[in-house]
Amino acid sequence: MSISERYRDIVTNIDSFLDQSRESAAVAKETRQVEKALATLRELAESVGEIPRIRLENELTPVLLKAHSQLDRARLLCEEGGAEDAGAAIWELEQQIYRLLNDL
């Protein structure tokens, strides 16, 4: 699977997580953090396949790190609020970003 496909999969997975969390609970601080992460990643979702391989690391790393940080804040808020299941799901999303960063 290419970097751009994996990037788009992460965007899709975060969007799916948000859909599920909106159905199960009211909008809270952690959901807003996840929405921010999704917005950050969506900026490049369409054009990620057009970025030359040599520039992928320089262009994607800051975006991925920012989204990872926002997801980490959301996970911590979930864990503090007692929502361990949501925290675990966010942790999996963070791990997807981390693995992509390692492959860059």
Protein backbone atom coordinates (compact mmCIF):
# COMPACT_ATOMS: atom_id res chain seq x y z
CA MET A 1 0.00 0.00 0.00
CA SER A 2 1.41 3.39 -0.95
CA ILE A 3 2.03 6.28 1.42
CA SER A 4 -0.83 8.26 -0.12
CA GLU A 5 -3.25 5.33 0.25
CA ARG A 6 -2.26 4.86 3.88
CA TYR A 7 -2.64 8.60 4.51
CA ARG A 8 -6.14 8.55 3.03
CA ASP A 9 -7.00 5.45 5.06
CA ILE A 10 -6.05 7.32 8.24
CA VAL A 11 -8.35 10.19 7.23
CA THR A 12 -11.17 7.71 6.56
CA ASN A 13 -10.59 5.92 9.88
CA ILE A 14 -10.67 9.16 11.86
CA ASP A 15 -13.83 10.22 10.04
CA SER A 16 -15.44 6.87 10.88
CA PHE A 17 -14.43 7.22 14.52
CA LEU A 18 -16.03 10.67 14.62
CA ASP A 19 -19.25 9.35 13.10
CA GLN A 20 -19.43 6.64 15.76
CA SER A 21 -18.60 9.00 18.61
CA ARG A 22 -21.22 11.53 17.51
CA GLU A 23 -23.86 8.80 17.56
CA SER A 24 -22.96 7.67 21.05
CA ALA A 25 -22.31 10.91 22.92
CA ALA A 26 -22.74 14.66 22.86
CA VAL A 27 -20.03 16.83 21.33
CA ALA A 28 -17.31 17.20 23.93
CA LYS A 29 -13.78 18.56 24.15
CA GLU A 30 -12.24 15.31 23.01
CA THR A 31 -14.47 15.17 19.93
CA ARG A 32 -13.42 18.70 19.00
CA GLN A 33 -9.76 17.66 19.25
CA VAL A 34 -10.39 14.72 16.93
CA GLU A 35 -12.22 17.05 14.53
CA LYS A 36 -9.19 19.35 14.54
CA ALA A 37 -6.92 16.40 13.73
CA LEU A 38 -9.21 15.38 10.87
CA ALA A 39 -9.27 18.93 9.50
CA THR A 40 -5.47 19.05 9.68
CA LEU A 41 -5.14 15.82 7.71
CA ARG A 42 -7.84 16.67 5.17
CA GLU A 43 -5.79 19.64 3.95
CA LEU A 44 -3.51 17.24 2.06
CA ALA A 45 -5.82 14.25 1.58
CA GLU A 46 -6.64 15.06 -2.04
CA SER A 47 -3.17 16.17 -3.12
CA VAL A 48 -1.03 13.67 -1.20
CA GLY A 49 -0.72 11.44 -4.26
CA GLU A 50 0.70 14.32 -6.30
CA ILE A 51 3.57 15.06 -3.92
CA PRO A 52 6.85 13.78 -5.34
CA ARG A 53 8.38 10.94 -3.31
CA ILE A 54 11.46 13.02 -2.51
CA ARG A 55 9.32 15.71 -0.81
CA LEU A 56 6.85 13.43 0.99
CA GLU A 57 8.75 13.39 4.27
CA ASN A 58 9.18 17.17 4.39
CA GLU A 59 5.56 17.90 3.53
CA LEU A 60 3.74 15.18 5.46
CA THR A 61 5.75 15.02 8.69
CA PRO A 62 4.57 18.37 10.14
CA VAL A 63 0.94 17.61 9.26
CA LEU A 64 1.10 14.11 10.72
CA LEU A 65 2.81 15.31 13.90
CA LYS A 66 0.20 18.02 14.42
CA ALA A 67 -2.67 15.56 13.92
CA HIS A 68 -0.97 13.05 16.22
CA SER A 69 -0.67 15.71 18.92
CA GLN A 70 -4.34 16.64 18.60
CA LEU A 71 -5.37 12.99 18.82
CA ASP A 72 -3.14 12.54 21.85
CA ARG A 73 -4.92 15.41 23.61
CA ALA A 74 -8.27 13.83 22.75
CA ARG A 75 -7.11 10.45 24.09
CA LEU A 76 -5.95 11.99 27.36
CA LEU A 77 -9.27 13.81 27.76
CA CYS A 78 -11.12 10.53 27.16
CA GLU A 79 -9.04 8.70 29.71
CA GLU A 80 -9.47 11.48 32.28
CA GLY A 81 -13.22 11.42 31.66
CA GLY A 82 -13.44 7.66 32.13
CA ALA A 83 -14.06 6.82 28.48
CA GLU A 84 -11.38 4.14 28.16
CA ASP A 85 -12.97 2.55 25.07
CA ALA A 86 -12.84 5.82 23.15
CA GLY A 87 -9.32 6.40 24.42
CA ALA A 88 -8.25 2.98 23.13
CA ALA A 89 -9.79 3.69 19.72
CA ILE A 90 -7.97 7.01 19.51
CA TRP A 91 -4.75 5.25 20.54
CA GLU A 92 -5.13 2.96 17.52
CA LEU A 93 -5.54 6.00 15.25
CA GLU A 94 -2.40 7.51 16.78
CA GLN A 95 -0.52 4.28 16.11
CA GLN A 96 -1.52 4.39 12.44
CA ILE A 97 -0.05 7.88 12.16
CA TYR A 98 3.06 6.81 14.06
CA ARG A 99 3.64 3.85 11.73
CA LEU A 100 3.25 6.09 8.69
CA LEU A 101 5.71 8.57 10.15
CA ASN A 102 8.23 5.77 10.69
CA ASP A 103 7.88 4.67 7.08
CA LEU A 104 8.54 8.16 5.75
